[in-house]
Each structure stands twice: as C-alpha cells, then as structure tokens.
PDB file of N, CA and C in Angstrom:
ATOM      1  N   UNK A   1     106.373 105.736  68.045  1.00  0.00           N
ATOM      2  CA  UNK A   1     105.057 106.281  67.747  1.00  0.00           C
ATOM      3  C   UNK A   1     104.382 106.664  69.072  1.00  0.00           C
ATOM      4  N   UNK A   2     103.807 107.836  69.114  1.00  0.00           N
ATOM      5  CA  UNK A   2     103.162 108.318  70.330  1.00  0.00           C
ATOM      6  C   UNK A   2     101.861 107.561  70.596  1.00  0.00           C
ATOM      7  N   UNK A   3     101.464 107.545  71.860  1.00  0.00           N
ATOM      8  CA  UNK A   3     100.236 106.856  72.248  1.00  0.00           C
ATOM      9  C   UNK A   3      99.038 107.435  71.510  1.00  0.00           C
ATOM     10  N   UNK A   4      98.974 108.755  71.377  1.00  0.00           N
ATOM     11  CA  UNK A   4      97.834 109.385  70.696  1.00  0.00           C
ATOM     12  C   UNK A   4      97.733 108.919  69.245  1.00  0.00           C
ATOM     13  N   UNK A   5      98.878 108.801  68.584  1.00  0.00           N
ATOM     14  CA  UNK A   5      98.880 108.339  67.191  1.00  0.00           C
ATOM     15  C   UNK A   5      98.436 106.884  67.108  1.00  0.00           C
ATOM     16  N   UNK A   6      98.921 106.053  68.030  1.00  0.00           N
ATOM     17  CA  UNK A   6      98.503 104.646  68.039  1.00  0.00           C
ATOM     18  C   UNK A   6      97.014 104.532  68.308  1.00  0.00           C
ATOM     19  N   UNK A   7      96.511 105.342  69.231  1.00  0.00           N
ATOM     20  CA  UNK A   7      95.080 105.314  69.549  1.00  0.00           C
ATOM     21  C   UNK A   7      94.253 105.715  68.336  1.00  0.00           C
ATOM     22  N   UNK A   8      94.713 106.714  67.591  1.00  0.00           N
ATOM     23  CA  UNK A   8      93.996 107.141  66.389  1.00  0.00           C
ATOM     24  C   UNK A   8      93.943 106.010  65.376  1.00  0.00           C
ATOM     25  N   UNK A   9      95.048 105.304  65.211  1.00  0.00           N
ATOM     26  CA  UNK A   9      95.076 104.190  64.251  1.00  0.00           C
ATOM     27  C   UNK A   9      94.152 103.058  64.670  1.00  0.00           C
ATOM     28  N   UNK A  10      94.137 102.743  65.971  1.00  0.00           N
ATOM     29  CA  UNK A  10      93.246 101.685  66.451  1.00  0.00           C
ATOM     30  C   UNK A  10      91.796 102.101  66.247  1.00  0.00           C
ATOM     31  N   UNK A  11      91.461 103.350  66.560  1.00  0.00           N
ATOM     32  CA  UNK A  11      90.091 103.835  66.398  1.00  0.00           C
ATOM     33  C   UNK A  11      89.654 103.743  64.946  1.00  0.00           C
ATOM     34  N   UNK A  12      90.574 103.990  64.012  1.00  0.00           N
ATOM     35  CA  UNK A  12      90.237 103.898  62.594  1.00  0.00           C
ATOM     36  C   UNK A  12      89.906 102.464  62.187  1.00  0.00           C
ATOM     37  N   UNK A  13      90.467 101.487  62.886  1.00  0.00           N
ATOM     38  CA  UNK A  13      90.246 100.083  62.551  1.00  0.00           C
ATOM     39  C   UNK A  13      88.950  99.534  63.145  1.00  0.00           C
ATOM     40  N   UNK A  14      88.354 100.254  64.108  1.00  0.00           N
ATOM     41  CA  UNK A  14      87.115  99.787  64.719  1.00  0.00           C
ATOM     42  C   UNK A  14      86.007  99.799  63.685  1.00  0.00           C
ATOM     43  N   UNK A  15      85.179  98.786  63.714  1.00  0.00           N
ATOM     44  CA  UNK A  15      84.118  98.646  62.726  1.00  0.00           C
ATOM     45  C   UNK A  15      82.871  99.415  63.160  1.00  0.00           C
ATOM     46  N   UNK A  16      82.339 100.254  62.289  1.00  0.00           N
ATOM     47  CA  UNK A  16      81.108 100.975  62.636  1.00  0.00           C
ATOM     48  C   UNK A  16      79.897 100.051  62.576  1.00  0.00           C
ATOM     49  N   UNK A  17      78.839 100.420  63.301  1.00  0.00           N
ATOM     50  CA  UNK A  17      77.598  99.655  63.231  1.00  0.00           C
ATOM     51  C   UNK A  17      76.857 100.033  61.944  1.00  0.00           C
ATOM     52  N   UNK A  18      75.641  99.523  61.776  1.00  0.00           N
ATOM     53  CA  UNK A  18      74.889  99.767  60.540  1.00  0.00           C
ATOM     54  C   UNK A  18      74.614 101.239  60.296  1.00  0.00           C
ATOM     55  N   UNK A  19      74.559 102.018  61.364  1.00  0.00           N
ATOM     56  CA  UNK A  19      74.320 103.451  61.231  1.00  0.00           C
ATOM     57  C   UNK A  19      75.598 104.254  61.040  1.00  0.00           C
ATOM     58  N   UNK A  20      76.735 103.566  60.953  1.00  0.00           N
ATOM     59  CA  UNK A  20      78.000 104.235  60.750  1.00  0.00           C
ATOM     60  C   UNK A  20      78.660 104.716  62.028  1.00  0.00           C
ATOM     61  N   UNK A  21      78.091 104.355  63.192  1.00  0.00           N
ATOM     62  CA  UNK A  21      78.646 104.801  64.475  1.00  0.00           C
ATOM     63  C   UNK A  21      79.547 103.723  65.063  1.00  0.00           C
ATOM     64  N   UNK A  22      80.576 104.156  65.757  1.00  0.00           N
ATOM     65  CA  UNK A  22      81.423 103.242  66.510  1.00  0.00           C
ATOM     66  C   UNK A  22      80.966 103.325  67.951  1.00  0.00           C
ATOM     67  N   UNK A  23      80.547 102.207  68.496  1.00  0.00           N
ATOM     68  CA  UNK A  23      80.025 102.211  69.861  1.00  0.00           C
ATOM     69  C   UNK A  23      80.737 101.168  70.701  1.00  0.00           C
ATOM     70  N   UNK A  24      80.672 101.364  71.994  1.00  0.00           N
ATOM     71  CA  UNK A  24      81.125 100.376  72.960  1.00  0.00           C
ATOM     72  C   UNK A  24      79.957 100.121  73.893  1.00  0.00           C
ATOM     73  N   UNK A  25      80.110  99.124  74.755  1.00  0.00           N
ATOM     74  CA  UNK A  25      78.970  98.724  75.570  1.00  0.00           C
ATOM     75  C   UNK A  25      78.570  99.754  76.625  1.00  0.00           C
ATOM     76  N   UNK A  26      79.436 100.690  76.944  1.00  0.00           N
ATOM     77  CA  UNK A  26      79.142 101.735  77.931  1.00  0.00           C
ATOM     78  C   UNK A  26      79.636 103.064  77.386  1.00  0.00           C
ATOM     79  N   UNK A  27      79.273 104.134  78.045  1.00  0.00           N
ATOM     80  CA  UNK A  27      79.764 105.455  77.666  1.00  0.00           C
ATOM     81  C   UNK A  27      81.200 105.595  78.162  1.00  0.00           C
ATOM     82  N   UNK A  28      82.151 105.375  77.279  1.00  0.00           N
ATOM     83  CA  UNK A  28      83.555 105.470  77.660  1.00  0.00           C
ATOM     84  C   UNK A  28      84.277 106.417  76.716  1.00  0.00           C
ATOM     85  N   UNK A  29      85.442 106.844  77.135  1.00  0.00           N
ATOM     86  CA  UNK A  29      86.317 107.680  76.324  1.00  0.00           C
ATOM     87  C   UNK A  29      86.898 106.794  75.228  1.00  0.00           C
ATOM     88  N   UNK A  30      86.434 106.981  74.009  1.00  0.00           N
ATOM     89  CA  UNK A  30      86.855 106.139  72.892  1.00  0.00           C
ATOM     90  C   UNK A  30      88.342 106.191  72.618  1.00  0.00           C
ATOM     91  N   UNK A  31      88.947 107.371  72.749  1.00  0.00           N
ATOM     92  CA  UNK A  31      90.388 107.495  72.514  1.00  0.00           C
ATOM     93  C   UNK A  31      91.183 106.755  73.585  1.00  0.00           C
ATOM     94  N   UNK A  32      90.729 106.840  74.833  1.00  0.00           N
ATOM     95  CA  UNK A  32      91.401 106.120  75.912  1.00  0.00           C
ATOM     96  C   UNK A  32      91.252 104.620  75.719  1.00  0.00           C
ATOM     97  N   UNK A  33      90.055 104.183  75.352  1.00  0.00           N
ATOM     98  CA  UNK A  33      89.833 102.760  75.112  1.00  0.00           C
ATOM     99  C   UNK A  33      90.731 102.267  73.981  1.00  0.00           C
ATOM    100  N   UNK A  34      90.837 103.038  72.925  1.00  0.00           N
ATOM    101  CA  UNK A  34      91.703 102.664  71.800  1.00  0.00           C
ATOM    102  C   UNK A  34      93.164 102.578  72.246  1.00  0.00           C
ATOM    103  N   UNK A  35      93.601 103.522  73.082  1.00  0.00           N
ATOM    104  CA  UNK A  35      94.976 103.505  73.585  1.00  0.00           C
ATOM    105  C   UNK A  35      95.224 102.272  74.453  1.00  0.00           C
ATOM    106  N   UNK A  36      94.255 101.930  75.299  1.00  0.00           N
ATOM    107  CA  UNK A  36      94.383 100.739  76.140  1.00  0.00           C
ATOM    108  C   UNK A  36      94.431  99.471  75.289  1.00  0.00           C
ATOM    109  N   UNK A  37      93.613  99.421  74.254  1.00  0.00           N
ATOM    110  CA  UNK A  37      93.623  98.249  73.372  1.00  0.00           C
ATOM    111  C   UNK A  37      94.944  98.143  72.625  1.00  0.00           C
ATOM    112  N   UNK A  38      95.496  99.263  72.219  1.00  0.00           N
ATOM    113  CA  UNK A  38      96.792  99.246  71.539  1.00  0.00           C
ATOM    114  C   UNK A  38      97.882  98.768  72.483  1.00  0.00           C
ATOM    115  N   UNK A  39      97.871  99.267  73.723  1.00  0.00           N
ATOM    116  CA  UNK A  39      98.841  98.815  74.721  1.00  0.00           C
ATOM    117  C   UNK A  39      98.705  97.315  74.943  1.00  0.00           C
ATOM    118  N   UNK A  40      97.456  96.843  75.086  1.00  0.00           N
ATOM    119  CA  UNK A  40      97.207  95.421  75.328  1.00  0.00           C
ATOM    120  C   UNK A  40      97.731  94.582  74.167  1.00  0.00           C
ATOM    121  N   UNK A  41      97.504  95.025  72.940  1.00  0.00           N
ATOM    122  CA  UNK A  41      97.976  94.301  71.767  1.00  0.00           C
ATOM    123  C   UNK A  41      99.497  94.199  71.766  1.00  0.00           C
ATOM    124  N   UNK A  42     100.161  95.314  72.024  1.00  0.00           N
ATOM    125  CA  UNK A  42     101.622  95.307  72.059  1.00  0.00           C
ATOM    126  C   UNK A  42     102.147  94.415  73.179  1.00  0.00           C
ATOM    127  N   UNK A  43     101.497  94.486  74.328  1.00  0.00           N
ATOM    128  CA  UNK A  43     101.923  93.665  75.466  1.00  0.00           C
ATOM    129  C   UNK A  43     101.690  92.184  75.178  1.00  0.00           C
ATOM    130  N   UNK A  44     100.566  91.859  74.548  1.00  0.00           N
ATOM    131  CA  UNK A  44     100.275  90.457  74.244  1.00  0.00           C
ATOM    132  C   UNK A  44     101.279  89.895  73.240  1.00  0.00           C
ATOM    133  N   UNK A  45     101.685  90.709  72.285  1.00  0.00           N
ATOM    134  CA  UNK A  45     102.703  90.273  71.323  1.00  0.00           C
ATOM    135  C   UNK A  45     104.043  90.053  72.022  1.00  0.00           C
ATOM    136  N   UNK A  46     104.399  90.959  72.902  1.00  0.00           N
ATOM    137  CA  UNK A  46     105.665  90.831  73.639  1.00  0.00           C
ATOM    138  C   UNK A  46     105.660  89.594  74.530  1.00  0.00           C
ATOM    139  N   UNK A  47     104.513  89.313  75.150  1.00  0.00           N
ATOM    140  CA  UNK A  47     104.394  88.171  76.057  1.00  0.00           C
ATOM    141  C   UNK A  47     104.034  86.873  75.329  1.00  0.00           C
ATOM    142  N   UNK A  48     103.724  86.988  74.025  1.00  0.00           N
ATOM    143  CA  UNK A  48     103.347  85.836  73.191  1.00  0.00           C
ATOM    144  C   UNK A  48     102.134  85.092  73.753  1.00  0.00           C
ATOM    145  N   UNK A  49     101.109  85.887  74.098  1.00  0.00           N
ATOM    146  CA  UNK A  49      99.833  85.338  74.575  1.00  0.00           C
ATOM    147  C   UNK A  49      98.707  86.099  73.877  1.00  0.00           C
ATOM    148  N   UNK A  50      97.510  85.511  73.824  1.00  0.00           N
ATOM    149  CA  UNK A  50      96.372  86.257  73.248  1.00  0.00           C
ATOM    150  C   UNK A  50      96.070  87.509  74.079  1.00  0.00           C
ATOM    151  N   UNK A  51      95.549  88.523  73.412  1.00  0.00           N
ATOM    152  CA  UNK A  51      95.266  89.802  74.075  1.00  0.00           C
ATOM    153  C   UNK A  51      94.335  89.637  75.278  1.00  0.00           C
ATOM    154  N   UNK A  52      93.340  88.758  75.165  1.00  0.00           N
ATOM    155  CA  UNK A  52      92.393  88.612  76.273  1.00  0.00           C
ATOM    156  C   UNK A  52      93.049  88.064  77.524  1.00  0.00           C
ATOM    157  N   UNK A  53      94.203  87.434  77.390  1.00  0.00           N
ATOM    158  CA  UNK A  53      94.923  86.943  78.568  1.00  0.00           C
ATOM    159  C   UNK A  53      95.485  88.122  79.365  1.00  0.00           C
ATOM    160  N   UNK A  54      95.850  89.185  78.663  1.00  0.00           N
ATOM    161  CA  UNK A  54      96.362  90.383  79.338  1.00  0.00           C
ATOM    162  C   UNK A  54      95.219  91.021  80.127  1.00  0.00           C
ATOM    163  N   UNK A  55      94.185  91.484  79.445  1.00  0.00           N
ATOM    164  CA  UNK A  55      92.981  92.037  80.076  1.00  0.00           C
ATOM    165  C   UNK A  55      91.815  91.884  79.105  1.00  0.00           C
ATOM    166  N   UNK A  56      90.641  91.591  79.630  1.00  0.00           N
ATOM    167  CA  UNK A  56      89.434  91.487  78.814  1.00  0.00           C
ATOM    168  C   UNK A  56      88.939  92.884  78.423  1.00  0.00           C
ATOM    169  N   UNK A  57      88.138  92.954  77.361  1.00  0.00           N
ATOM    170  CA  UNK A  57      87.547  94.225  76.932  1.00  0.00           C
ATOM    171  C   UNK A  57      86.770  94.888  78.063  1.00  0.00           C
ATOM    172  N   UNK A  58      86.033  94.092  78.825  1.00  0.00           N
ATOM    173  CA  UNK A  58      85.232  94.680  79.911  1.00  0.00           C
ATOM    174  C   UNK A  58      86.126  95.346  80.958  1.00  0.00           C
ATOM    175  N   UNK A  59      87.292  94.780  81.200  1.00  0.00           N
ATOM    176  CA  UNK A  59      88.230  95.394  82.145  1.00  0.00           C
ATOM    177  C   UNK A  59      88.745  96.711  81.590  1.00  0.00           C
ATOM    178  N   UNK A  60      89.047  96.745  80.292  1.00  0.00           N
ATOM    179  CA  UNK A  60      89.492  97.989  79.673  1.00  0.00           C
ATOM    180  C   UNK A  60      88.410  99.060  79.775  1.00  0.00           C
ATOM    181  N   UNK A  61      87.157  98.663  79.586  1.00  0.00           N
ATOM    182  CA  UNK A  61      86.053  99.614  79.705  1.00  0.00           C
ATOM    183  C   UNK A  61      85.934 100.136  81.137  1.00  0.00           C
ATOM    184  N   UNK A  62      86.108  99.251  82.112  1.00  0.00           N
ATOM    185  CA  UNK A  62      86.081  99.693  83.512  1.00  0.00           C
ATOM    186  C   UNK A  62      87.210 100.684  83.789  1.00  0.00           C
ATOM    187  N   UNK A  63      88.379 100.450  83.198  1.00  0.00           N
ATOM    188  CA  UNK A  63      89.491 101.386  83.371  1.00  0.00           C
ATOM    189  C   UNK A  63      89.130 102.759  82.822  1.00  0.00           C
ATOM    190  N   UNK A  64      88.440 102.773  81.682  1.00  0.00           N
ATOM    191  CA  UNK A  64      88.019 104.046  81.086  1.00  0.00           C
ATOM    192  C   UNK A  64      86.997 104.762  81.954  1.00  0.00           C
ATOM    193  N   UNK A  65      86.113 104.010  82.560  1.00  0.00           N
ATOM    194  CA  UNK A  65      85.069 104.606  83.394  1.00  0.00           C
ATOM    195  C   UNK A  65      85.620 105.100  84.730  1.00  0.00           C
ATOM    196  N   UNK A  66      86.463 104.307  85.359  1.00  0.00           N
ATOM    197  CA  UNK A  66      86.959 104.638  86.697  1.00  0.00           C
ATOM    198  C   UNK A  66      88.192 105.517  86.701  1.00  0.00           C
ATOM    199  N   UNK A  67      89.028 105.376  85.697  1.00  0.00           N
ATOM    200  CA  UNK A  67      90.292 106.115  85.584  1.00  0.00           C
ATOM    201  C   UNK A  67      91.062 106.125  86.906  1.00  0.00           C
ATOM    202  N   UNK A  68      91.454 104.947  87.376  1.00  0.00           N
ATOM    203  CA  UNK A  68      92.187 104.883  88.641  1.00  0.00           C
ATOM    204  C   UNK A  68      93.516 105.619  88.532  1.00  0.00           C
ATOM    205  N   UNK A  69      93.938 106.218  89.648  1.00  0.00           N
ATOM    206  CA  UNK A  69      95.161 107.020  89.656  1.00  0.00           C
ATOM    207  C   UNK A  69      96.257 106.414  90.531  1.00  0.00           C
ATOM    208  N   UNK A  70      95.974 105.277  91.160  1.00  0.00           N
ATOM    209  CA  UNK A  70      96.961 104.663  92.043  1.00  0.00           C
ATOM    210  C   UNK A  70      96.792 103.147  91.996  1.00  0.00           C
ATOM    211  N   UNK A  71      97.791 102.442  92.494  1.00  0.00           N
ATOM    212  CA  UNK A  71      97.703 100.976  92.529  1.00  0.00           C
ATOM    213  C   UNK A  71      96.536 100.489  93.390  1.00  0.00           C
ATOM    214  N   UNK A  72      96.285 101.086  94.570  1.00  0.00           N
ATOM    215  CA  UNK A  72      95.120 100.644  95.338  1.00  0.00           C
ATOM    216  C   UNK A  72      93.796 100.844  94.588  1.00  0.00           C
ATOM    217  N   UNK A  73      93.659 101.956  93.863  1.00  0.00           N
ATOM    218  CA  UNK A  73      92.447 102.175  93.071  1.00  0.00           C
ATOM    219  C   UNK A  73      92.373 101.177  91.920  1.00  0.00           C
ATOM    220  N   UNK A  74      93.509 100.892  91.309  1.00  0.00           N
ATOM    221  CA  UNK A  74      93.555  99.937  90.207  1.00  0.00           C
ATOM    222  C   UNK A  74      93.162  98.543  90.678  1.00  0.00           C
ATOM    223  N   UNK A  75      93.540  98.204  91.894  1.00  0.00           N
ATOM    224  CA  UNK A  75      93.201  96.901  92.479  1.00  0.00           C
ATOM    225  C   UNK A  75      91.682  96.705  92.544  1.00  0.00           C
ATOM    226  N   UNK A  76      90.921  97.787  92.640  1.00  0.00           N
ATOM    227  CA  UNK A  76      89.469  97.693  92.734  1.00  0.00           C
ATOM    228  C   UNK A  76      88.755  97.535  91.408  1.00  0.00           C
ATOM    229  N   UNK A  77      89.477  97.530  90.308  1.00  0.00           N
ATOM    230  CA  UNK A  77      88.860  97.394  88.992  1.00  0.00           C
ATOM    231  C   UNK A  77      88.597  95.915  88.724  1.00  0.00           C
ATOM    232  N   UNK A  78      87.351  95.564  88.352  1.00  0.00           N
ATOM    233  CA  UNK A  78      87.054  94.157  88.044  1.00  0.00           C
ATOM    234  C   UNK A  78      87.978  93.632  86.945  1.00  0.00           C
ATOM    235  N   UNK A  79      88.558  92.454  87.189  1.00  0.00           N
ATOM    236  CA  UNK A  79      89.444  91.838  86.213  1.00  0.00           C
ATOM    237  C   UNK A  79      90.916  92.066  86.508  1.00  0.00           C
ATOM    238  N   UNK A  80      91.206  92.867  87.535  1.00  0.00           N
ATOM    239  CA  UNK A  80      92.599  93.105  87.910  1.00  0.00           C
ATOM    240  C   UNK A  80      92.827  92.576  89.316  1.00  0.00           C
ATOM    241  N   UNK A  81      93.505  91.451  89.377  1.00  0.00           N
ATOM    242  CA  UNK A  81      93.877  90.852  90.651  1.00  0.00           C
ATOM    243  C   UNK A  81      95.318  91.187  90.971  1.00  0.00           C
ATOM    244  N   UNK A  82      95.850  90.530  91.969  1.00  0.00           N
ATOM    245  CA  UNK A  82      97.207  90.823  92.422  1.00  0.00           C
ATOM    246  C   UNK A  82      98.251  90.559  91.337  1.00  0.00           C
ATOM    247  N   UNK A  83      98.114  89.459  90.602  1.00  0.00           N
ATOM    248  CA  UNK A  83      99.099  89.132  89.579  1.00  0.00           C
ATOM    249  C   UNK A  83      99.104  90.173  88.467  1.00  0.00           C
ATOM    250  N   UNK A  84      97.943  90.532  87.970  1.00  0.00           N
ATOM    251  CA  UNK A  84      97.874  91.526  86.901  1.00  0.00           C
ATOM    252  C   UNK A  84      98.278  92.904  87.412  1.00  0.00           C
ATOM    253  N   UNK A  85      97.986  93.175  88.647  1.00  0.00           N
ATOM    254  CA  UNK A  85      98.412  94.439  89.249  1.00  0.00           C
ATOM    255  C   UNK A  85      99.934  94.525  89.266  1.00  0.00           C
ATOM    256  N   UNK A  86     100.588  93.437  89.669  1.00  0.00           N
ATOM    257  CA  UNK A  86     102.054  93.416  89.703  1.00  0.00           C
ATOM    258  C   UNK A  86     102.646  93.493  88.301  1.00  0.00           C
ATOM    259  N   UNK A  87     102.081  92.740  87.365  1.00  0.00           N
ATOM    260  CA  UNK A  87     102.634  92.678  86.008  1.00  0.00           C
ATOM    261  C   UNK A  87     102.400  93.951  85.205  1.00  0.00           C
ATOM    262  N   UNK A  88     101.199  94.496  85.296  1.00  0.00           N
ATOM    263  CA  UNK A  88     100.802  95.561  84.380  1.00  0.00           C
ATOM    264  C   UNK A  88     100.418  96.870  85.050  1.00  0.00           C
ATOM    265  N   UNK A  89     100.337  96.892  86.365  1.00  0.00           N
ATOM    266  CA  UNK A  89      99.809  98.050  87.081  1.00  0.00           C
ATOM    267  C   UNK A  89     100.470  99.365  86.726  1.00  0.00           C
ATOM    268  N   UNK A  90     101.781  99.409  86.804  1.00  0.00           N
ATOM    269  CA  UNK A  90     102.485 100.667  86.538  1.00  0.00           C
ATOM    270  C   UNK A  90     102.319 101.098  85.084  1.00  0.00           C
ATOM    271  N   UNK A  91     102.330 100.142  84.150  1.00  0.00           N
ATOM    272  CA  UNK A  91     102.141 100.476  82.736  1.00  0.00           C
ATOM    273  C   UNK A  91     100.757 101.076  82.497  1.00  0.00           C
ATOM    274  N   UNK A  92      99.750 100.469  83.113  1.00  0.00           N
ATOM    275  CA  UNK A  92      98.379 100.961  82.948  1.00  0.00           C
ATOM    276  C   UNK A  92      98.247 102.362  83.526  1.00  0.00           C
ATOM    277  N   UNK A  93      98.779 102.561  84.723  1.00  0.00           N
ATOM    278  CA  UNK A  93      98.684 103.879  85.359  1.00  0.00           C
ATOM    279  C   UNK A  93      99.415 104.933  84.541  1.00  0.00           C
ATOM    280  N   UNK A  94     100.559 104.574  83.973  1.00  0.00           N
ATOM    281  CA  UNK A  94     101.296 105.517  83.133  1.00  0.00           C
ATOM    282  C   UNK A  94     100.455 105.924  81.919  1.00  0.00           C
ATOM    283  N   UNK A  95      99.799 104.956  81.317  1.00  0.00           N
ATOM    284  CA  UNK A  95      98.958 105.247  80.168  1.00  0.00           C
ATOM    285  C   UNK A  95      97.767 106.132  80.570  1.00  0.00           C
ATOM    286  N   UNK A  96      97.148 105.829  81.707  1.00  0.00           N
ATOM    287  CA  UNK A  96      96.020 106.630  82.181  1.00  0.00           C
ATOM    288  C   UNK A  96      96.456 108.050  82.532  1.00  0.00           C
ATOM    289  N   UNK A  97      97.636 108.203  83.100  1.00  0.00           N
ATOM    290  CA  UNK A  97      98.139 109.537  83.446  1.00  0.00           C
ATOM    291  C   UNK A  97      98.383 110.385  82.198  1.00  0.00           C
ATOM    292  N   UNK A  98      98.756 109.722  81.127  1.00  0.00           N
ATOM    293  CA  UNK A  98      99.048 110.436  79.879  1.00  0.00           C
ATOM    294  C   UNK A  98      97.773 110.981  79.226  1.00  0.00           C
ATOM    295  N   UNK A  99      96.636 110.583  79.710  1.00  0.00           N
ATOM    296  CA  UNK A  99      95.354 111.000  79.152  1.00  0.00           C
ATOM    297  C   UNK A  99      94.845 112.182  79.891  1.00  0.00           C
TER     298      UNK A  99
END
C-alpha cells in the first residue's frame, strides 16, 4: 500500500471536533502528519512498543513544520536525540522526501 493511501486512511480515522473539523495543535500539513502517524504505528508494531515510544505527537508536528531534509537538520527537531536519529532518521527523511 502506498504512503498516500495509508495517509488517506489514517486521516479518515481522525475524529472531527464539534464543528466537524479535524484540527491539530498547530498549522501543519494534515496529509504529512497522517503519513508520519501511519509510519509510527507500523514501526511501533514491528518493534512491539507503544507508538509514543517511537515519537510523540508533538515531535511529529515539529517534523511537519520544519520538514528537515538531512540528518543534521533532523537532529535539531525536539524529541529526536542521537538514538532516535540512528534508529529512525533515514526512514523519516525518506518519508519526508516523498512528500
């Protein structure tokens, strides 16, 4: 299944607010955020850990806002330290490049 299709499915599962809108805490690319959440879910299942152990929602939002293009830029995103950079850095950058 393509990333775009997975992102569409995740976006459909997001719960709208009382006004019927789907919102996040900041102005972010909703499709990119959905794709990152789908990647995180798949990675958490593969690693057999809760999704928040992979990356917190706030970190995913920062990725959407900053859209880092390299490992040094990714290192500057709050919530991504050396261990997460080594484990997930290339996967995250690949997903961001596809957007």
